[in-house]
C-alpha atoms as a PDB file:
ATOM      1  CA  UNK A   1      68.594-119.427  30.993  1.00  0.00           C
ATOM      2  CA  UNK A   2      70.640-120.833  28.122  1.00  0.00           C
ATOM      3  CA  UNK A   3      69.861-119.043  24.883  1.00  0.00           C
ATOM      4  CA  UNK A   4      69.626-121.194  21.759  1.00  0.00           C
ATOM      5  CA  UNK A   5      71.903-120.744  18.784  1.00  0.00           C
ATOM      6  CA  UNK A   6      70.681-119.949  15.281  1.00  0.00           C
ATOM      7  CA  UNK A   7      73.448-120.244  12.731  1.00  0.00           C
ATOM      8  CA  UNK A   8      73.814-120.865   9.033  1.00  0.00           C
ATOM      9  CA  UNK A   9      76.742-123.217   8.423  1.00  0.00           C
ATOM     10  CA  UNK A  10      78.106-123.551   4.898  1.00  0.00           C
ATOM     11  CA  UNK A  11      81.018-125.526   3.484  1.00  0.00           C
ATOM     12  CA  UNK A  12      83.775-127.735   4.808  1.00  0.00           C
ATOM     13  CA  UNK A  13      87.242-126.777   5.941  1.00  0.00           C
ATOM     14  CA  UNK A  14      88.795-124.478   8.493  1.00  0.00           C
ATOM     15  CA  UNK A  15      86.113-122.526  10.374  1.00  0.00           C
ATOM     16  CA  UNK A  16      85.239-118.867   9.944  1.00  0.00           C
ATOM     17  CA  UNK A  17      82.757-117.240  12.329  1.00  0.00           C
ATOM     18  CA  UNK A  18      80.917-114.151  11.032  1.00  0.00           C
ATOM     19  CA  UNK A  19      79.310-111.720  13.499  1.00  0.00           C
ATOM     20  CA  UNK A  20      76.831-109.114  12.262  1.00  0.00           C
ATOM     21  CA  UNK A  21      76.205-105.587  13.493  1.00  0.00           C
ATOM     22  CA  UNK A  22      73.593-104.152  15.849  1.00  0.00           C
ATOM     23  CA  UNK A  23      70.077-104.239  14.428  1.00  0.00           C
ATOM     24  CA  UNK A  24      71.066-106.708  11.706  1.00  0.00           C
ATOM     25  CA  UNK A  25      71.266-110.507  11.497  1.00  0.00           C
ATOM     26  CA  UNK A  26      73.272-113.240   9.826  1.00  0.00           C
ATOM     27  CA  UNK A  27      71.164-112.685   6.692  1.00  0.00           C
ATOM     28  CA  UNK A  28      72.621-109.166   6.360  1.00  0.00           C
ATOM     29  CA  UNK A  29      75.997-110.699   5.460  1.00  0.00           C
ATOM     30  CA  UNK A  30      74.683-111.480   2.003  1.00  0.00           C
ATOM     31  CA  UNK A  31      76.911-113.622  -0.201  1.00  0.00           C
ATOM     32  CA  UNK A  32      79.946-113.512   2.101  1.00  0.00           C
ATOM     33  CA  UNK A  33      79.377-116.864   3.927  1.00  0.00           C
ATOM     34  CA  UNK A  34      78.718-118.694   0.650  1.00  0.00           C
ATOM     35  CA  UNK A  35      81.793-117.157  -0.974  1.00  0.00           C
ATOM     36  CA  UNK A  36      83.995-118.261   1.935  1.00  0.00           C
ATOM     37  CA  UNK A  37      82.515-121.747   1.715  1.00  0.00           C
ATOM     38  CA  UNK A  38      83.350-121.864  -2.000  1.00  0.00           C
ATOM     39  CA  UNK A  39      86.913-120.828  -1.141  1.00  0.00           C
ATOM     40  CA  UNK A  40      87.328-123.894   1.073  1.00  0.00           C
ATOM     41  CA  UNK A  41      86.251-122.681   4.505  1.00  0.00           C
ATOM     42  CA  UNK A  42      83.396-123.670   6.775  1.00  0.00           C
ATOM     43  CA  UNK A  43      81.441-120.446   7.319  1.00  0.00           C
ATOM     44  CA  UNK A  44      79.334-119.986  10.456  1.00  0.00           C
ATOM     45  CA  UNK A  45      76.983-116.979  10.268  1.00  0.00           C
ATOM     46  CA  UNK A  46      75.448-116.556  13.713  1.00  0.00           C
ATOM     47  CA  UNK A  47      72.358-114.596  14.768  1.00  0.00           C
ATOM     48  CA  UNK A  48      73.263-112.715  17.949  1.00  0.00           C
ATOM     49  CA  UNK A  49      70.763-112.630  20.849  1.00  0.00           C
ATOM     50  CA  UNK A  50      68.000-110.139  20.160  1.00  0.00           C
ATOM     51  CA  UNK A  51      68.444-110.221  16.376  1.00  0.00           C
ATOM     52  CA  UNK A  52      67.292-112.422  13.535  1.00  0.00           C
ATOM     53  CA  UNK A  53      65.860-115.666  14.899  1.00  0.00           C
ATOM     54  CA  UNK A  54      67.670-115.394  18.238  1.00  0.00           C
ATOM     55  CA  UNK A  55      65.644-114.329  21.303  1.00  0.00           C
ATOM     56  CA  UNK A  56      66.889-111.392  23.390  1.00  0.00           C
ATOM     57  CA  UNK A  57      68.951-112.009  26.510  1.00  0.00           C
ATOM     58  CA  UNK A  58      66.964-112.510  29.726  1.00  0.00           C
ATOM     59  CA  UNK A  59      68.549-109.437  31.338  1.00  0.00           C
ATOM     60  CA  UNK A  60      70.578-106.526  29.935  1.00  0.00           C
ATOM     61  CA  UNK A  61      73.915-107.795  28.669  1.00  0.00           C
ATOM     62  CA  UNK A  62      77.314-106.168  28.254  1.00  0.00           C
ATOM     63  CA  UNK A  63      79.983-106.959  25.654  1.00  0.00           C
ATOM     64  CA  UNK A  64      81.504-109.691  27.827  1.00  0.00           C
ATOM     65  CA  UNK A  65      78.115-111.417  28.190  1.00  0.00           C
ATOM     66  CA  UNK A  66      77.704-111.547  24.418  1.00  0.00           C
ATOM     67  CA  UNK A  67      81.332-112.550  24.009  1.00  0.00           C
ATOM     68  CA  UNK A  68      81.024-115.455  26.411  1.00  0.00           C
ATOM     69  CA  UNK A  69      77.837-116.580  24.669  1.00  0.00           C
ATOM     70  CA  UNK A  70      79.749-116.655  21.369  1.00  0.00           C
ATOM     71  CA  UNK A  71      82.673-118.428  23.055  1.00  0.00           C
ATOM     72  CA  UNK A  72      80.237-121.112  24.240  1.00  0.00           C
ATOM     73  CA  UNK A  73      79.116-121.570  20.627  1.00  0.00           C
ATOM     74  CA  UNK A  74      82.737-122.111  19.618  1.00  0.00           C
ATOM     75  CA  UNK A  75      83.013-124.727  22.355  1.00  0.00           C
ATOM     76  CA  UNK A  76      79.801-126.456  21.329  1.00  0.00           C
ATOM     77  CA  UNK A  77      80.859-126.610  17.673  1.00  0.00           C
ATOM     78  CA  UNK A  78      84.479-127.445  18.567  1.00  0.00           C
ATOM     79  CA  UNK A  79      85.791-124.499  16.554  1.00  0.00           C
ATOM     80  CA  UNK A  80      89.356-124.021  17.729  1.00  0.00           C
ATOM     81  CA  UNK A  81      91.099-122.054  16.421  1.00  0.00           C
ATOM     82  CA  UNK A  82      88.739-119.957  14.326  1.00  0.00           C
ATOM     83  CA  UNK A  83      88.914-117.018  11.949  1.00  0.00           C
ATOM     84  CA  UNK A  84      86.637-114.140  12.935  1.00  0.00           C
ATOM     85  CA  UNK A  85      84.880-111.576  10.752  1.00  0.00           C
ATOM     86  CA  UNK A  86      83.010-108.885  12.688  1.00  0.00           C
ATOM     87  CA  UNK A  87      81.061-105.855  11.517  1.00  0.00           C
ATOM     88  CA  UNK A  88      80.197-102.949  13.847  1.00  0.00           C
ATOM     89  CA  UNK A  89      78.721-104.545  17.019  1.00  0.00           C
ATOM     90  CA  UNK A  90      80.043-107.895  15.793  1.00  0.00           C
ATOM     91  CA  UNK A  91      83.427-106.183  15.662  1.00  0.00           C
ATOM     92  CA  UNK A  92      83.095-105.301  19.347  1.00  0.00           C
ATOM     93  CA  UNK A  93      82.574-108.960  20.136  1.00  0.00           C
ATOM     94  CA  UNK A  94      85.439-110.001  17.874  1.00  0.00           C
ATOM     95  CA  UNK A  95      87.754-107.568  19.665  1.00  0.00           C
ATOM     96  CA  UNK A  96      86.703-109.014  23.012  1.00  0.00           C
ATOM     97  CA  UNK A  97      87.173-112.628  21.888  1.00  0.00           C
ATOM     98  CA  UNK A  98      90.537-112.064  20.179  1.00  0.00           C
ATOM     99  CA  UNK A  99      91.903-110.218  23.221  1.00  0.00           C
ATOM    100  CA  UNK A 100      90.435-112.535  25.860  1.00  0.00           C
ATOM    101  CA  UNK A 101      91.099-115.851  24.086  1.00  0.00           C
ATOM    102  CA  UNK A 102      94.068-115.098  21.799  1.00  0.00           C
ATOM    103  CA  UNK A 103      94.942-118.771  21.374  1.00  0.00           C
ATOM    104  CA  UNK A 104      91.513-119.438  19.873  1.00  0.00           C
ATOM    105  CA  UNK A 105      91.606-116.829  17.078  1.00  0.00           C
ATOM    106  CA  UNK A 106      93.746-117.594  14.036  1.00  0.00           C
ATOM    107  CA  UNK A 107      92.985-114.465  11.998  1.00  0.00           C
ATOM    108  CA  UNK A 108      90.748-111.465  12.577  1.00  0.00           C
ATOM    109  CA  UNK A 109      88.840-109.241  10.152  1.00  0.00           C
ATOM    110  CA  UNK A 110      87.222-106.110  11.564  1.00  0.00           C
ATOM    111  CA  UNK A 111      85.052-104.042   9.255  1.00  0.00           C
ATOM    112  CA  UNK A 112      83.718-100.750  10.592  1.00  0.00           C
ATOM    113  CA  UNK A 113      84.107-102.256  14.045  1.00  0.00           C
ATOM    114  CA  UNK A 114      82.590-100.505  17.026  1.00  0.00           C
ATOM    115  CA  UNK A 115      84.414-100.440  20.337  1.00  0.00           C
ATOM    116  CA  UNK A 116      86.520 -97.280  20.227  1.00  0.00           C
ATOM    117  CA  UNK A 117      84.816 -94.652  22.376  1.00  0.00           C
ATOM    118  CA  UNK A 118      84.392 -91.527  20.238  1.00  0.00           C
ATOM    119  CA  UNK A 119      84.303 -87.954  21.372  1.00  0.00           C
ATOM    120  CA  UNK A 120      80.722 -86.713  21.467  1.00  0.00           C
ATOM    121  CA  UNK A 121      79.640 -84.916  18.257  1.00  0.00           C
ATOM    122  CA  UNK A 122      78.200 -81.410  18.619  1.00  0.00           C
ATOM    123  CA  UNK A 123      74.630 -82.718  18.162  1.00  0.00           C
ATOM    124  CA  UNK A 124      74.925 -85.034  21.163  1.00  0.00           C
ATOM    125  CA  UNK A 125      76.711 -82.445  23.295  1.00  0.00           C
ATOM    126  CA  UNK A 126      73.827 -80.077  22.598  1.00  0.00           C
ATOM    127  CA  UNK A 127      71.307 -82.810  23.391  1.00  0.00           C
ATOM    128  CA  UNK A 128      72.834 -83.615  26.770  1.00  0.00           C
ATOM    129  CA  UNK A 129      73.164 -79.944  27.712  1.00  0.00           C
ATOM    130  CA  UNK A 130      69.522 -79.248  26.828  1.00  0.00           C
ATOM    131  CA  UNK A 131      68.387 -82.413  28.573  1.00  0.00           C
ATOM    132  CA  UNK A 132      70.216 -81.540  31.795  1.00  0.00           C
ATOM    133  CA  UNK A 133      68.814 -77.998  31.797  1.00  0.00           C
ATOM    134  CA  UNK A 134      65.246 -79.104  31.152  1.00  0.00           C
ATOM    135  CA  UNK A 135      65.317 -81.858  33.753  1.00  0.00           C
ATOM    136  CA  UNK A 136      66.647 -79.419  36.361  1.00  0.00           C
ATOM    137  CA  UNK A 137      63.790 -77.073  35.486  1.00  0.00           C
ATOM    138  CA  UNK A 138      61.245 -79.894  35.682  1.00  0.00           C
ATOM    139  CA  UNK A 139      62.394 -80.797  39.184  1.00  0.00           C
ATOM    140  CA  UNK A 140      60.728 -77.612  40.433  1.00  0.00           C
ATOM    141  CA  UNK A 141      57.404 -77.981  42.259  1.00  0.00           C
ATOM    142  CA  UNK A 142      54.469 -77.819  39.880  1.00  0.00           C
ATOM    143  CA  UNK A 143      56.495 -78.900  36.843  1.00  0.00           C
ATOM    144  CA  UNK A 144      57.303 -82.492  37.755  1.00  0.00           C
ATOM    145  CA  UNK A 145      54.155 -83.811  36.096  1.00  0.00           C
ATOM    146  CA  UNK A 146      55.591 -82.661  32.741  1.00  0.00           C
ATOM    147  CA  UNK A 147      58.815 -84.647  33.083  1.00  0.00           C
ATOM    148  CA  UNK A 148      57.675 -87.924  31.419  1.00  0.00           C
ATOM    149  CA  UNK A 149      56.328 -86.175  28.324  1.00  0.00           C
ATOM    150  CA  UNK A 150      59.413 -83.957  28.014  1.00  0.00           C
ATOM    151  CA  UNK A 151      61.731 -86.971  28.353  1.00  0.00           C
ATOM    152  CA  UNK A 152      59.774 -88.724  25.597  1.00  0.00           C
ATOM    153  CA  UNK A 153      59.913 -85.612  23.367  1.00  0.00           C
ATOM    154  CA  UNK A 154      63.685 -85.283  23.781  1.00  0.00           C
ATOM    155  CA  UNK A 155      64.248 -88.970  23.148  1.00  0.00           C
ATOM    156  CA  UNK A 156      62.127 -89.002  19.989  1.00  0.00           C
ATOM    157  CA  UNK A 157      64.018 -86.055  18.489  1.00  0.00           C
ATOM    158  CA  UNK A 158      67.590 -86.535  19.664  1.00  0.00           C
ATOM    159  CA  UNK A 159      68.226 -90.239  20.330  1.00  0.00           C
ATOM    160  CA  UNK A 160      70.039 -92.335  17.716  1.00  0.00           C
ATOM    161  CA  UNK A 161      68.127 -94.583  15.319  1.00  0.00           C
ATOM    162  CA  UNK A 162      69.564 -97.642  17.100  1.00  0.00           C
ATOM    163  CA  UNK A 163      68.395 -96.332  20.476  1.00  0.00           C
ATOM    164  CA  UNK A 164      64.882 -95.598  19.205  1.00  0.00           C
ATOM    165  CA  UNK A 165      64.625 -99.010  17.555  1.00  0.00           C
ATOM    166  CA  UNK A 166      65.897-100.812  20.673  1.00  0.00           C
ATOM    167  CA  UNK A 167      63.488 -98.923  22.920  1.00  0.00           C
ATOM    168  CA  UNK A 168      60.594 -99.855  20.642  1.00  0.00           C
ATOM    169  CA  UNK A 169      61.743-103.473  20.417  1.00  0.00           C
ATOM    170  CA  UNK A 170      62.311-104.467  24.011  1.00  0.00           C
ATOM    171  CA  UNK A 171      63.342-102.748  27.288  1.00  0.00           C
ATOM    172  CA  UNK A 172      66.097-105.330  27.797  1.00  0.00           C
ATOM    173  CA  UNK A 173      67.593-104.583  24.374  1.00  0.00           C
ATOM    174  CA  UNK A 174      67.473-100.848  25.039  1.00  0.00           C
ATOM    175  CA  UNK A 175      69.334-101.258  28.333  1.00  0.00           C
ATOM    176  CA  UNK A 176      71.751-103.627  26.596  1.00  0.00           C
ATOM    177  CA  UNK A 177      72.467-101.035  23.906  1.00  0.00           C
ATOM    178  CA  UNK A 178      73.180 -98.389  26.532  1.00  0.00           C
ATOM    179  CA  UNK A 179      75.666-100.733  28.208  1.00  0.00           C
ATOM    180  CA  UNK A 180      77.563-101.849  25.136  1.00  0.00           C
ATOM    181  CA  UNK A 181      77.920 -98.436  23.477  1.00  0.00           C
ATOM    182  CA  UNK A 182      79.564 -97.048  26.608  1.00  0.00           C
ATOM    183  CA  UNK A 183      82.281 -99.717  26.711  1.00  0.00           C
ATOM    184  CA  UNK A 184      85.687 -98.668  25.400  1.00  0.00           C
ATOM    185  CA  UNK A 185      87.477-101.734  24.018  1.00  0.00           C
ATOM    186  CA  UNK A 186      90.550 -99.936  22.677  1.00  0.00           C
ATOM    187  CA  UNK A 187      92.572-100.894  25.807  1.00  0.00           C
ATOM    188  CA  UNK A 188      92.046-104.565  24.842  1.00  0.00           C
ATOM    189  CA  UNK A 189      93.561-104.121  21.382  1.00  0.00           C
ATOM    190  CA  UNK A 190      97.255-104.546  22.365  1.00  0.00           C
ATOM    191  CA  UNK A 191      96.412-108.014  23.724  1.00  0.00           C
ATOM    192  CA  UNK A 192      95.312-109.295  20.317  1.00  0.00           C
ATOM    193  CA  UNK A 193      97.836-111.748  18.885  1.00  0.00           C
ATOM    194  CA  UNK A 194      96.053-112.760  15.680  1.00  0.00           C
ATOM    195  CA  UNK A 195      97.023-111.162  12.373  1.00  0.00           C
ATOM    196  CA  UNK A 196      94.307-108.552  11.870  1.00  0.00           C
ATOM    197  CA  UNK A 197      92.823-106.967   8.757  1.00  0.00           C
ATOM    198  CA  UNK A 198      90.792-103.779   9.166  1.00  0.00           C
ATOM    199  CA  UNK A 199      88.447-102.820   6.316  1.00  0.00           C
ATOM    200  CA  UNK A 200      86.839 -99.378   6.524  1.00  0.00           C
ATOM    201  CA  UNK A 201      84.858 -97.030   4.335  1.00  0.00           C
ATOM    202  CA  UNK A 202      86.221 -93.509   4.362  1.00  0.00           C
ATOM    203  CA  UNK A 203      82.642 -92.143   4.460  1.00  0.00           C
ATOM    204  CA  UNK A 204      81.658 -94.126   7.568  1.00  0.00           C
ATOM    205  CA  UNK A 205      79.748 -91.760   9.859  1.00  0.00           C
ATOM    206  CA  UNK A 206      78.833 -94.367  12.501  1.00  0.00           C
ATOM    207  CA  UNK A 207      82.345 -95.641  13.269  1.00  0.00           C
ATOM    208  CA  UNK A 208      84.543 -93.051  11.544  1.00  0.00           C
ATOM    209  CA  UNK A 209      87.782 -93.997   9.823  1.00  0.00           C
ATOM    210  CA  UNK A 210      89.749 -92.449  12.701  1.00  0.00           C
ATOM    211  CA  UNK A 211      88.522 -95.312  14.890  1.00  0.00           C
ATOM    212  CA  UNK A 212      89.890 -97.856  12.416  1.00  0.00           C
ATOM    213  CA  UNK A 213      93.202 -96.004  12.406  1.00  0.00           C
ATOM    214  CA  UNK A 214      93.272 -96.089  16.211  1.00  0.00           C
ATOM    215  CA  UNK A 215      92.752 -99.860  16.158  1.00  0.00           C
ATOM    216  CA  UNK A 216      95.457-100.301  13.513  1.00  0.00           C
ATOM    217  CA  UNK A 217      97.899 -98.434  15.753  1.00  0.00           C
ATOM    218  CA  UNK A 218      96.925-100.411  18.871  1.00  0.00           C
ATOM    219  CA  UNK A 219      96.772-103.985  17.506  1.00  0.00           C
ATOM    220  CA  UNK A 220     100.320-105.417  17.212  1.00  0.00           C
ATOM    221  CA  UNK A 221      99.889-107.135  13.818  1.00  0.00           C
ATOM    222  CA  UNK A 222      97.282-105.121  11.916  1.00  0.00           C
ATOM    223  CA  UNK A 223      96.783-103.576   8.510  1.00  0.00           C
ATOM    224  CA  UNK A 224      94.080-101.203   7.314  1.00  0.00           C
ATOM    225  CA  UNK A 225      92.355-101.236   3.910  1.00  0.00           C
ATOM    226  CA  UNK A 226      90.291 -98.124   3.148  1.00  0.00           C
ATOM    227  CA  UNK A 227      87.455 -98.344   0.625  1.00  0.00           C
ATOM    228  CA  UNK A 228      87.044 -94.901  -0.897  1.00  0.00           C
ATOM    229  CA  UNK A 229      83.478 -93.661  -1.066  1.00  0.00           C
ATOM    230  CA  UNK A 230      82.066 -96.453   1.103  1.00  0.00           C
ATOM    231  CA  UNK A 231      80.199 -95.947   4.364  1.00  0.00           C
ATOM    232  CA  UNK A 232      79.455 -97.937   7.495  1.00  0.00           C
ATOM    233  CA  UNK A 233      78.222-100.905   5.450  1.00  0.00           C
ATOM    234  CA  UNK A 234      81.251-101.015   3.180  1.00  0.00           C
ATOM    235  CA  UNK A 235      81.165-104.824   3.229  1.00  0.00           C
ATOM    236  CA  UNK A 236      77.713-104.704   1.587  1.00  0.00           C
ATOM    237  CA  UNK A 237      78.253-101.671  -0.656  1.00  0.00           C
ATOM    238  CA  UNK A 238      81.410-103.201  -2.133  1.00  0.00           C
ATOM    239  CA  UNK A 239      80.689-106.855  -1.445  1.00  0.00           C
ATOM    240  CA  UNK A 240      82.639-108.410  -4.333  1.00  0.00           C
ATOM    241  CA  UNK A 241      85.716-106.346  -3.481  1.00  0.00           C
ATOM    242  CA  UNK A 242      85.300-107.100   0.226  1.00  0.00           C
ATOM    243  CA  UNK A 243      85.132-110.841  -0.480  1.00  0.00           C
ATOM    244  CA  UNK A 244      88.271-110.734  -2.635  1.00  0.00           C
ATOM    245  CA  UNK A 245      90.214-108.874   0.062  1.00  0.00           C
ATOM    246  CA  UNK A 246      89.130-111.230   2.859  1.00  0.00           C
ATOM    247  CA  UNK A 247      89.789-114.376   0.826  1.00  0.00           C
ATOM    248  CA  UNK A 248      93.249-113.134  -0.095  1.00  0.00           C
ATOM    249  CA  UNK A 249      93.981-112.372   3.566  1.00  0.00           C
ATOM    250  CA  UNK A 250      92.783-115.801   4.725  1.00  0.00           C
ATOM    251  CA  UNK A 251      94.555-117.727   1.952  1.00  0.00           C
ATOM    252  CA  UNK A 252      97.900-115.944   2.071  1.00  0.00           C
ATOM    253  CA  UNK A 253     100.418-117.929   4.177  1.00  0.00           C
END
């Protein structure tokens, strides 16, 4: 099954591909594509499979599956080389593409990019410990009939918002989320050759600033801009500032 592409393309000039985060769509990028078009670029804002207008993948996908789907879009549109802008999950895909196809990425912007495996926060450590204990208890004769309802109760109270939304949306998307969040892409970072700009909010609680600092240390040619007071959606919270920073990065020889 070949999934169709749904993209907004604005402007003329050297191409920039923008990849949104999990649970979002190209529309969530706001004025950024139009601003890049006004600056002389051709902006491609792409709905990723399972989001916006794009149908979900036929089977659970991993990061490489999404990355190869995006790479096929670059081929179809003859975008080579391209500048990449990736937020959160879109940052995962941008990391994969820049490391796997370094000759095809001219410059890279990662904003609150996912892909660095974090240590589990206390809440999740508690969740997994309780879950293991309860499921061992429910394996006893006479209690097994309670297991489905207990699993559902634990999931409803302890799972992340993304996990709950994916489970409600589609079983394939839920399994896809479980695959992609468990992939550690930090080992790919040293293979990235493109000049890289990292833009992070210091109040990001989804992909904390420490993850941006880890990427800055691992990518050979990288710099980190920290937006004080901004969170995981720093690009939206401080959109005008974000646009100025990205345009300056793209337009500086």
